[in-house]
Amino acid sequence: MAISIFFNGHTEDITSREELREALERFDEVPQFELWVSITDGPSICMLRNGEHAWLMYLRYEGDSGFTSQGDASQLDDCCTWLKFDSWPSYTNISH
């Protein structure tokens, strides 16, 4: 089973644990990023990182409202200020 990685606008397929380990080590060198790790027709996890701040979201399946990391809500802007959204995408609204 291949894992699909989307990292700061670039996609790659991972087919082994060694490839995954190497990719995660590369990503850890970057202080600000958007990372999606997905399995086709399966779960996905998203990480937004800005320095020491990060936000995680786990989706069990496409269309899932997801589970998100918890922490000090006042620091959310510290994590996500480098992301320039005119408005948040509708899928981030878990009230629907």
PDB file of N, CA and C in Angstrom:
ATOM      1  N   MET A   1       0.850  -1.169   0.000  1.00  0.00           N
ATOM      2  CA  MET A   1       0.000   0.000   0.000  1.00  0.00           C
ATOM      3  C   MET A   1       0.898   1.237   0.000  1.00  0.00           C
ATOM      4  N   ALA A   2       0.676   2.111  -0.965  1.00  0.00           N
ATOM      5  CA  ALA A   2       1.466   3.337  -1.071  1.00  0.00           C
ATOM      6  C   ALA A   2       0.850   4.442  -0.219  1.00  0.00           C
ATOM      7  N   ILE A   3       1.706   5.253   0.317  1.00  0.00           N
ATOM      8  CA  ILE A   3       1.299   6.428   1.076  1.00  0.00           C
ATOM      9  C   ILE A   3       1.587   7.629   0.194  1.00  0.00           C
ATOM     10  N   SER A   4       0.630   8.509   0.091  1.00  0.00           N
ATOM     11  CA  SER A   4       0.799   9.729  -0.693  1.00  0.00           C
ATOM     12  C   SER A   4       1.125  10.881   0.259  1.00  0.00           C
ATOM     13  N   ILE A   5       2.185  11.600  -0.057  1.00  0.00           N
ATOM     14  CA  ILE A   5       2.627  12.731   0.753  1.00  0.00           C
ATOM     15  C   ILE A   5       2.471  14.006  -0.075  1.00  0.00           C
ATOM     16  N   PHE A   6       1.851  15.010   0.510  1.00  0.00           N
ATOM     17  CA  PHE A   6       1.780  16.343  -0.079  1.00  0.00           C
ATOM     18  C   PHE A   6       2.517  17.251   0.886  1.00  0.00           C
ATOM     19  N   PHE A   7       3.633  17.832   0.438  1.00  0.00           N
ATOM     20  CA  PHE A   7       4.465  18.666   1.305  1.00  0.00           C
ATOM     21  C   PHE A   7       4.743  19.991   0.616  1.00  0.00           C
ATOM     22  N   ASN A   8       4.176  21.061   1.155  1.00  0.00           N
ATOM     23  CA  ASN A   8       4.383  22.416   0.622  1.00  0.00           C
ATOM     24  C   ASN A   8       4.241  22.479  -0.895  1.00  0.00           C
ATOM     25  N   GLY A   9       3.176  21.869  -1.407  1.00  0.00           N
ATOM     26  CA  GLY A   9       2.879  21.971  -2.831  1.00  0.00           C
ATOM     27  C   GLY A   9       3.452  20.875  -3.702  1.00  0.00           C
ATOM     28  N   HIS A  10       4.205  19.965  -3.128  1.00  0.00           N
ATOM     29  CA  HIS A  10       4.810  18.879  -3.900  1.00  0.00           C
ATOM     30  C   HIS A  10       4.278  17.540  -3.406  1.00  0.00           C
ATOM     31  N   THR A  11       3.991  16.648  -4.341  1.00  0.00           N
ATOM     32  CA  THR A  11       3.448  15.336  -4.001  1.00  0.00           C
ATOM     33  C   THR A  11       4.482  14.256  -4.300  1.00  0.00           C
ATOM     34  N   GLU A  12       4.551  13.273  -3.420  1.00  0.00           N
ATOM     35  CA  GLU A  12       5.389  12.103  -3.677  1.00  0.00           C
ATOM     36  C   GLU A  12       4.722  10.872  -3.088  1.00  0.00           C
ATOM     37  N   ASP A  13       4.994   9.726  -3.700  1.00  0.00           N
ATOM     38  CA  ASP A  13       4.463   8.461  -3.200  1.00  0.00           C
ATOM     39  C   ASP A  13       5.551   7.743  -2.425  1.00  0.00           C
ATOM     40  N   ILE A  14       5.179   7.216  -1.285  1.00  0.00           N
ATOM     41  CA  ILE A  14       6.095   6.504  -0.404  1.00  0.00           C
ATOM     42  C   ILE A  14       5.686   5.035  -0.419  1.00  0.00           C
ATOM     43  N   THR A  15       6.645   4.149  -0.664  1.00  0.00           N
ATOM     44  CA  THR A  15       6.318   2.722  -0.765  1.00  0.00           C
ATOM     45  C   THR A  15       7.001   1.858   0.284  1.00  0.00           C
ATOM     46  N   SER A  16       7.845   2.469   1.139  1.00  0.00           N
ATOM     47  CA  SER A  16       8.503   1.666   2.173  1.00  0.00           C
ATOM     48  C   SER A  16       8.666   2.490   3.450  1.00  0.00           C
ATOM     49  N   ARG A  17       8.890   1.793   4.546  1.00  0.00           N
ATOM     50  CA  ARG A  17       9.124   2.479   5.817  1.00  0.00           C
ATOM     51  C   ARG A  17      10.379   3.338   5.753  1.00  0.00           C
ATOM     52  N   GLU A  18      11.395   2.857   5.069  1.00  0.00           N
ATOM     53  CA  GLU A  18      12.639   3.607   4.941  1.00  0.00           C
ATOM     54  C   GLU A  18      12.398   4.916   4.183  1.00  0.00           C
ATOM     55  N   GLU A  19      11.640   4.874   3.091  1.00  0.00           N
ATOM     56  CA  GLU A  19      11.318   6.094   2.349  1.00  0.00           C
ATOM     57  C   GLU A  19      10.537   7.072   3.229  1.00  0.00           C
ATOM     58  N   LEU A  20       9.608   6.549   4.032  1.00  0.00           N
ATOM     59  CA  LEU A  20       8.822   7.400   4.922  1.00  0.00           C
ATOM     60  C   LEU A  20       9.722   8.053   5.968  1.00  0.00           C
ATOM     61  N   ARG A  21      10.612   7.275   6.570  1.00  0.00           N
ATOM     62  CA  ARG A  21      11.540   7.810   7.572  1.00  0.00           C
ATOM     63  C   ARG A  21      12.393   8.914   6.972  1.00  0.00           C
ATOM     64  N   GLU A  22      12.946   8.673   5.787  1.00  0.00           N
ATOM     65  CA  GLU A  22      13.792   9.670   5.126  1.00  0.00           C
ATOM     66  C   GLU A  22      13.006  10.943   4.794  1.00  0.00           C
ATOM     67  N   ALA A  23      11.773  10.772   4.318  1.00  0.00           N
ATOM     68  CA  ALA A  23      10.944  11.939   3.987  1.00  0.00           C
ATOM     69  C   ALA A  23      10.647  12.757   5.243  1.00  0.00           C
ATOM     70  N   LEU A  24      10.258  12.091   6.328  1.00  0.00           N
ATOM     71  CA  LEU A  24       9.943  12.804   7.561  1.00  0.00           C
ATOM     72  C   LEU A  24      11.158  13.535   8.113  1.00  0.00           C
ATOM     73  N   GLU A  25      12.335  12.952   7.984  1.00  0.00           N
ATOM     74  CA  GLU A  25      13.560  13.632   8.418  1.00  0.00           C
ATOM     75  C   GLU A  25      13.810  14.882   7.574  1.00  0.00           C
ATOM     76  N   ARG A  26      13.578  14.801   6.257  1.00  0.00           N
ATOM     77  CA  ARG A  26      13.725  15.973   5.375  1.00  0.00           C
ATOM     78  C   ARG A  26      12.743  17.070   5.771  1.00  0.00           C
ATOM     79  N   PHE A  27      11.501  16.672   6.011  1.00  0.00           N
ATOM     80  CA  PHE A  27      10.469  17.648   6.354  1.00  0.00           C
ATOM     81  C   PHE A  27      10.779  18.348   7.670  1.00  0.00           C
ATOM     82  N   ASP A  28      11.357  17.619   8.601  1.00  0.00           N
ATOM     83  CA  ASP A  28      11.656  18.182   9.917  1.00  0.00           C
ATOM     84  C   ASP A  28      12.686  19.310   9.838  1.00  0.00           C
ATOM     85  N   GLU A  29      13.448  19.371   8.756  1.00  0.00           N
ATOM     86  CA  GLU A  29      14.438  20.432   8.562  1.00  0.00           C
ATOM     87  C   GLU A  29      13.788  21.767   8.186  1.00  0.00           C
ATOM     88  N   VAL A  30      12.515  21.738   7.774  1.00  0.00           N
ATOM     89  CA  VAL A  30      11.823  22.936   7.291  1.00  0.00           C
ATOM     90  C   VAL A  30      10.986  23.518   8.436  1.00  0.00           C
ATOM     91  N   PRO A  31      11.204  24.786   8.803  1.00  0.00           N
ATOM     92  CA  PRO A  31      10.496  25.352   9.960  1.00  0.00           C
ATOM     93  C   PRO A  31       9.012  25.644   9.726  1.00  0.00           C
ATOM     94  N   GLN A  32       8.609  25.918   8.477  1.00  0.00           N
ATOM     95  CA  GLN A  32       7.204  26.222   8.187  1.00  0.00           C
ATOM     96  C   GLN A  32       6.733  25.326   7.058  1.00  0.00           C
ATOM     97  N   PHE A  33       5.652  24.576   7.316  1.00  0.00           N
ATOM     98  CA  PHE A  33       5.158  23.724   6.238  1.00  0.00           C
ATOM     99  C   PHE A  33       3.710  23.305   6.427  1.00  0.00           C
ATOM    100  N   GLU A  34       3.159  22.814   5.307  1.00  0.00           N
ATOM    101  CA  GLU A  34       1.874  22.115   5.276  1.00  0.00           C
ATOM    102  C   GLU A  34       2.179  20.705   4.801  1.00  0.00           C
ATOM    103  N   LEU A  35       1.783  19.718   5.578  1.00  0.00           N
ATOM    104  CA  LEU A  35       2.053  18.316   5.261  1.00  0.00           C
ATOM    105  C   LEU A  35       0.758  17.525   5.317  1.00  0.00           C
ATOM    106  N   TRP A  36       0.489  16.775   4.264  1.00  0.00           N
ATOM    107  CA  TRP A  36      -0.626  15.830   4.233  1.00  0.00           C
ATOM    108  C   TRP A  36      -0.050  14.449   3.983  1.00  0.00           C
ATOM    109  N   VAL A  37      -0.446  13.483   4.781  1.00  0.00           N
ATOM    110  CA  VAL A  37      -0.069  12.090   4.588  1.00  0.00           C
ATOM    111  C   VAL A  37      -1.376  11.322   4.424  1.00  0.00           C
ATOM    112  N   SER A  38      -1.525  10.627   3.270  1.00  0.00           N
ATOM    113  CA  SER A  38      -2.799   9.978   2.957  1.00  0.00           C
ATOM    114  C   SER A  38      -2.593   8.577   2.403  1.00  0.00           C
ATOM    115  N   ILE A  39      -3.580   7.741   2.647  1.00  0.00           N
ATOM    116  CA  ILE A  39      -3.670   6.424   2.032  1.00  0.00           C
ATOM    117  C   ILE A  39      -4.909   6.457   1.152  1.00  0.00           C
ATOM    118  N   THR A  40      -4.795   6.002  -0.101  1.00  0.00           N
ATOM    119  CA  THR A  40      -5.929   6.007  -1.014  1.00  0.00           C
ATOM    120  C   THR A  40      -7.122   5.307  -0.388  1.00  0.00           C
ATOM    121  N   ASP A  41      -8.274   5.972  -0.417  1.00  0.00           N
ATOM    122  CA  ASP A  41      -9.513   5.447   0.168  1.00  0.00           C
ATOM    123  C   ASP A  41      -9.350   5.108   1.648  1.00  0.00           C
ATOM    124  N   GLY A  42      -8.464   5.831   2.330  1.00  0.00           N
ATOM    125  CA  GLY A  42      -8.234   5.571   3.744  1.00  0.00           C
ATOM    126  C   GLY A  42      -8.021   6.865   4.501  1.00  0.00           C
ATOM    127  N   PRO A  43      -7.402   6.769   5.662  1.00  0.00           N
ATOM    128  CA  PRO A  43      -7.221   7.950   6.517  1.00  0.00           C
ATOM    129  C   PRO A  43      -6.153   8.902   5.986  1.00  0.00           C
ATOM    130  N   SER A  44      -6.225  10.137   6.495  1.00  0.00           N
ATOM    131  CA  SER A  44      -5.244  11.176   6.181  1.00  0.00           C
ATOM    132  C   SER A  44      -4.920  11.925   7.463  1.00  0.00           C
ATOM    133  N   ILE A  45      -3.725  12.475   7.504  1.00  0.00           N
ATOM    134  CA  ILE A  45      -3.354  13.357   8.597  1.00  0.00           C
ATOM    135  C   ILE A  45      -2.708  14.601   7.987  1.00  0.00           C
ATOM    136  N   CYS A  46      -3.039  15.748   8.564  1.00  0.00           N
ATOM    137  CA  CYS A  46      -2.499  17.026   8.105  1.00  0.00           C
ATOM    138  C   CYS A  46      -1.742  17.668   9.265  1.00  0.00           C
ATOM    139  N   MET A  47      -0.613  18.291   8.942  1.00  0.00           N
ATOM    140  CA  MET A  47       0.140  19.043   9.937  1.00  0.00           C
ATOM    141  C   MET A  47       0.507  20.391   9.337  1.00  0.00           C
ATOM    142  N   LEU A  48       0.172  21.443  10.052  1.00  0.00           N
ATOM    143  CA  LEU A  48       0.625  22.786   9.724  1.00  0.00           C
ATOM    144  C   LEU A  48       1.628  23.163  10.803  1.00  0.00           C
ATOM    145  N   ARG A  49       2.817  23.549  10.379  1.00  0.00           N
ATOM    146  CA  ARG A  49       3.859  23.862  11.365  1.00  0.00           C
ATOM    147  C   ARG A  49       4.466  25.221  11.077  1.00  0.00           C
ATOM    148  N   ASN A  50       4.691  25.953  12.163  1.00  0.00           N
ATOM    149  CA  ASN A  50       5.407  27.218  12.099  1.00  0.00           C
ATOM    150  C   ASN A  50       6.366  27.237  13.275  1.00  0.00           C
ATOM    151  N   GLY A  51       7.603  26.897  13.024  1.00  0.00           N
ATOM    152  CA  GLY A  51       8.597  26.848  14.095  1.00  0.00           C
ATOM    153  C   GLY A  51       8.227  25.813  15.133  1.00  0.00           C
ATOM    154  N   GLU A  52       8.079  26.261  16.377  1.00  0.00           N
ATOM    155  CA  GLU A  52       7.760  25.334  17.466  1.00  0.00           C
ATOM    156  C   GLU A  52       6.263  25.078  17.615  1.00  0.00           C
ATOM    157  N   HIS A  53       5.453  25.763  16.819  1.00  0.00           N
ATOM    158  CA  HIS A  53       4.003  25.614  16.889  1.00  0.00           C
ATOM    159  C   HIS A  53       3.513  24.717  15.758  1.00  0.00           C
ATOM    160  N   ALA A  54       2.529  23.874  16.076  1.00  0.00           N
ATOM    161  CA  ALA A  54       1.982  22.983  15.050  1.00  0.00           C
ATOM    162  C   ALA A  54       0.514  22.711  15.341  1.00  0.00           C
ATOM    163  N   TRP A  55      -0.194  22.347  14.283  1.00  0.00           N
ATOM    164  CA  TRP A  55      -1.613  21.982  14.374  1.00  0.00           C
ATOM    165  C   TRP A  55      -1.789  20.695  13.591  1.00  0.00           C
ATOM    166  N   LEU A  56      -2.494  19.744  14.165  1.00  0.00           N
ATOM    167  CA  LEU A  56      -2.720  18.447  13.526  1.00  0.00           C
ATOM    168  C   LEU A  56      -4.199  18.208  13.308  1.00  0.00           C
ATOM    169  N   MET A  57      -4.518  17.526  12.206  1.00  0.00           N
ATOM    170  CA  MET A  57      -5.893  17.103  11.944  1.00  0.00           C
ATOM    171  C   MET A  57      -5.842  15.690  11.378  1.00  0.00           C
ATOM    172  N   TYR A  58      -6.673  14.812  11.921  1.00  0.00           N
ATOM    173  CA  TYR A  58      -6.767  13.432  11.450  1.00  0.00           C
ATOM    174  C   TYR A  58      -8.142  13.225  10.834  1.00  0.00           C
ATOM    175  N   LEU A  59      -8.168  12.725   9.606  1.00  0.00           N
ATOM    176  CA  LEU A  59      -9.417  12.427   8.908  1.00  0.00           C
ATOM    177  C   LEU A  59      -9.482  10.919   8.675  1.00  0.00           C
ATOM    178  N   ARG A  60     -10.545  10.290   9.141  1.00  0.00           N
ATOM    179  CA  ARG A  60     -10.669   8.836   8.993  1.00  0.00           C
ATOM    180  C   ARG A  60     -10.995   8.420   7.576  1.00  0.00           C
ATOM    181  N   TYR A  61     -11.688   9.280   6.833  1.00  0.00           N
ATOM    182  CA  TYR A  61     -12.113   8.992   5.459  1.00  0.00           C
ATOM    183  C   TYR A  61     -12.456  10.316   4.793  1.00  0.00           C
ATOM    184  N   GLU A  62     -12.549  10.331   3.467  1.00  0.00           N
ATOM    185  CA  GLU A  62     -12.888  11.552   2.742  1.00  0.00           C
ATOM    186  C   GLU A  62     -14.259  12.051   3.188  1.00  0.00           C
ATOM    187  N   GLY A  63     -14.346  13.320   3.518  1.00  0.00           N
ATOM    188  CA  GLY A  63     -15.589  13.909   3.995  1.00  0.00           C
ATOM    189  C   GLY A  63     -15.747  13.900   5.507  1.00  0.00           C
ATOM    190  N   ASP A  64     -14.849  13.230   6.216  1.00  0.00           N
ATOM    191  CA  ASP A  64     -14.889  13.191   7.677  1.00  0.00           C
ATOM    192  C   ASP A  64     -14.637  14.597   8.224  1.00  0.00           C
ATOM    193  N   SER A  65     -15.350  14.958   9.297  1.00  0.00           N
ATOM    194  CA  SER A  65     -15.111  16.275   9.903  1.00  0.00           C
ATOM    195  C   SER A  65     -13.808  16.300  10.688  1.00  0.00           C
ATOM    196  N   GLY A  66     -13.277  15.143  11.029  1.00  0.00           N
ATOM    197  CA  GLY A  66     -11.934  15.037  11.573  1.00  0.00           C
ATOM    198  C   GLY A  66     -11.798  15.266  13.061  1.00  0.00           C
ATOM    199  N   PHE A  67     -10.597  14.993  13.515  1.00  0.00           N
ATOM    200  CA  PHE A  67     -10.158  15.235  14.888  1.00  0.00           C
ATOM    201  C   PHE A  67      -8.975  16.179  14.798  1.00  0.00           C
ATOM    202  N   THR A  68      -8.892  17.163  15.691  1.00  0.00           N
ATOM    203  CA  THR A  68      -7.786  18.109  15.659  1.00  0.00           C
ATOM    204  C   THR A  68      -7.037  18.111  16.978  1.00  0.00           C
ATOM    205  N   SER A  69      -5.804  18.583  16.913  1.00  0.00           N
ATOM    206  CA  SER A  69      -5.000  18.688  18.125  1.00  0.00           C
ATOM    207  C   SER A  69      -5.580  19.765  19.029  1.00  0.00           C
ATOM    208  N   GLN A  70      -5.301  19.636  20.301  1.00  0.00           N
ATOM    209  CA  GLN A  70      -5.763  20.599  21.291  1.00  0.00           C
ATOM    210  C   GLN A  70      -4.550  21.313  21.864  1.00  0.00           C
ATOM    211  N   GLY A  71      -4.769  22.457  22.394  1.00  0.00           N
ATOM    212  CA  GLY A  71      -3.677  23.217  22.984  1.00  0.00           C
ATOM    213  C   GLY A  71      -4.171  24.604  23.322  1.00  0.00           C
ATOM    214  N   ASP A  72      -3.259  25.503  23.476  1.00  0.00           N
ATOM    215  CA  ASP A  72      -3.573  26.880  23.812  1.00  0.00           C
ATOM    216  C   ASP A  72      -4.109  27.575  22.559  1.00  0.00           C
ATOM    217  N   ALA A  73      -5.415  27.844  22.517  1.00  0.00           N
ATOM    218  CA  ALA A  73      -6.045  28.447  21.341  1.00  0.00           C
ATOM    219  C   ALA A  73      -5.466  29.812  21.016  1.00  0.00           C
ATOM    220  N   SER A  74      -4.914  30.491  22.002  1.00  0.00           N
ATOM    221  CA  SER A  74      -4.334  31.812  21.739  1.00  0.00           C
ATOM    222  C   SER A  74      -3.089  31.709  20.870  1.00  0.00           C
ATOM    223  N   GLN A  75      -2.513  30.518  20.745  1.00  0.00           N
ATOM    224  CA  GLN A  75      -1.312  30.345  19.936  1.00  0.00           C
ATOM    225  C   GLN A  75      -1.629  29.904  18.516  1.00  0.00           C
ATOM    226  N   LEU A  76      -2.902  29.730  18.162  1.00  0.00           N
ATOM    227  CA  LEU A  76      -3.255  29.301  16.820  1.00  0.00           C
ATOM    228  C   LEU A  76      -2.712  30.255  15.775  1.00  0.00           C
ATOM    229  N   ASP A  77      -2.796  31.551  16.039  1.00  0.00           N
ATOM    230  CA  ASP A  77      -2.264  32.515  15.076  1.00  0.00           C
ATOM    231  C   ASP A  77      -0.755  32.361  14.903  1.00  0.00           C
ATOM    232  N   ASP A  78      -0.036  31.990  15.965  1.00  0.00           N
ATOM    233  CA  ASP A  78       1.400  31.770  15.848  1.00  0.00           C
ATOM    234  C   ASP A  78       1.704  30.629  14.888  1.00  0.00           C
ATOM    235  N   CYS A  79       0.837  29.632  14.872  1.00  0.00           N
ATOM    236  CA  CYS A  79       1.027  28.477  14.008  1.00  0.00           C
ATOM    237  C   CYS A  79       0.700  28.807  12.567  1.00  0.00           C
ATOM    238  N   CYS A  80      -0.359  29.521  12.347  1.00  0.00           N
ATOM    239  CA  CYS A  80      -0.922  29.616  11.002  1.00  0.00           C
ATOM    240  C   CYS A  80      -0.788  30.980  10.343  1.00  0.00           C
ATOM    241  N   THR A  81      -0.081  31.921  10.917  1.00  0.00           N
ATOM    242  CA  THR A  81      -0.011  33.256  10.320  1.00  0.00           C
ATOM    243  C   THR A  81       0.666  33.251   8.958  1.00  0.00           C
ATOM    244  N   TRP A  82       1.546  32.324   8.707  1.00  0.00           N
ATOM    245  CA  TRP A  82       2.237  32.300   7.420  1.00  0.00           C
ATOM    246  C   TRP A  82       1.346  31.769   6.308  1.00  0.00           C
ATOM    247  N   LEU A  83       0.240  31.113   6.659  1.00  0.00           N
ATOM    248  CA  LEU A  83      -0.722  30.677   5.646  1.00  0.00           C
ATOM    249  C   LEU A  83      -1.604  31.859   5.291  1.00  0.00           C
ATOM    250  N   LYS A  84      -1.685  32.186   4.048  1.00  0.00           N
ATOM    251  CA  LYS A  84      -2.442  33.356   3.614  1.00  0.00           C
ATOM    252  C   LYS A  84      -3.759  32.913   2.999  1.00  0.00           C
ATOM    253  N   PHE A  85      -4.822  32.880   3.802  1.00  0.00           N
ATOM    254  CA  PHE A  85      -6.157  32.536   3.342  1.00  0.00           C
ATOM    255  C   PHE A  85      -7.003  33.789   3.318  1.00  0.00           C
ATOM    256  N   ASP A  86      -7.711  34.016   2.231  1.00  0.00           N
ATOM    257  CA  ASP A  86      -8.707  35.083   2.222  1.00  0.00           C
ATOM    258  C   ASP A  86      -9.871  34.676   3.124  1.00  0.00           C
ATOM    259  N   SER A  87     -10.163  33.393   3.124  1.00  0.00           N
ATOM    260  CA  SER A  87     -11.151  32.826   4.039  1.00  0.00           C
ATOM    261  C   SER A  87     -10.789  31.359   4.220  1.00  0.00           C
ATOM    262  N   TRP A  88     -11.207  30.769   5.330  1.00  0.00           N
ATOM    263  CA  TRP A  88     -10.897  29.362   5.572  1.00  0.00           C
ATOM    264  C   TRP A  88     -11.755  28.488   4.668  1.00  0.00           C
ATOM    265  N   PRO A  89     -11.204  27.418   4.119  1.00  0.00           N
ATOM    266  CA  PRO A  89     -11.978  26.501   3.296  1.00  0.00           C
ATOM    267  C   PRO A  89     -13.158  25.932   4.082  1.00  0.00           C
ATOM    268  N   SER A  90     -14.257  25.613   3.382  1.00  0.00           N
ATOM    269  CA  SER A  90     -15.459  25.126   4.047  1.00  0.00           C
ATOM    270  C   SER A  90     -15.239  23.840   4.815  1.00  0.00           C
ATOM    271  N   TYR A  91     -14.284  22.992   4.375  1.00  0.00           N
ATOM    272  CA  TYR A  91     -14.065  21.723   5.070  1.00  0.00           C
ATOM    273  C   TYR A  91     -13.497  21.924   6.471  1.00  0.00           C
ATOM    274  N   THR A  92     -12.999  23.122   6.790  1.00  0.00           N
ATOM    275  CA  THR A  92     -12.498  23.362   8.142  1.00  0.00           C
ATOM    276  C   THR A  92     -13.616  23.691   9.126  1.00  0.00           C
ATOM    277  N   ASN A  93     -14.833  23.898   8.623  1.00  0.00           N
ATOM    278  CA  ASN A  93     -15.976  24.181   9.485  1.00  0.00           C
ATOM    279  C   ASN A  93     -16.582  22.862   9.942  1.00  0.00           C
ATOM    280  N   ILE A  94     -16.352  22.495  11.204  1.00  0.00           N
ATOM    281  CA  ILE A  94     -16.839  21.209  11.683  1.00  0.00           C
ATOM    282  C   ILE A  94     -18.273  21.261  12.169  1.00  0.00           C
ATOM    283  N   SER A  95     -18.926  22.417  12.017  1.00  0.00           N
ATOM    284  CA  SER A  95     -20.310  22.516  12.496  1.00  0.00           C
ATOM    285  C   SER A  95     -21.296  21.936  11.493  1.00  0.00           C
ATOM    286  N   HIS A  96     -20.879  21.638  10.258  1.00  0.00           N
ATOM    287  CA  HIS A  96     -21.818  21.113   9.259  1.00  0.00           C
ATOM    288  C   HIS A  96     -21.977  19.621   9.323  1.00  0.00           C
TER     289      HIS A  96
END
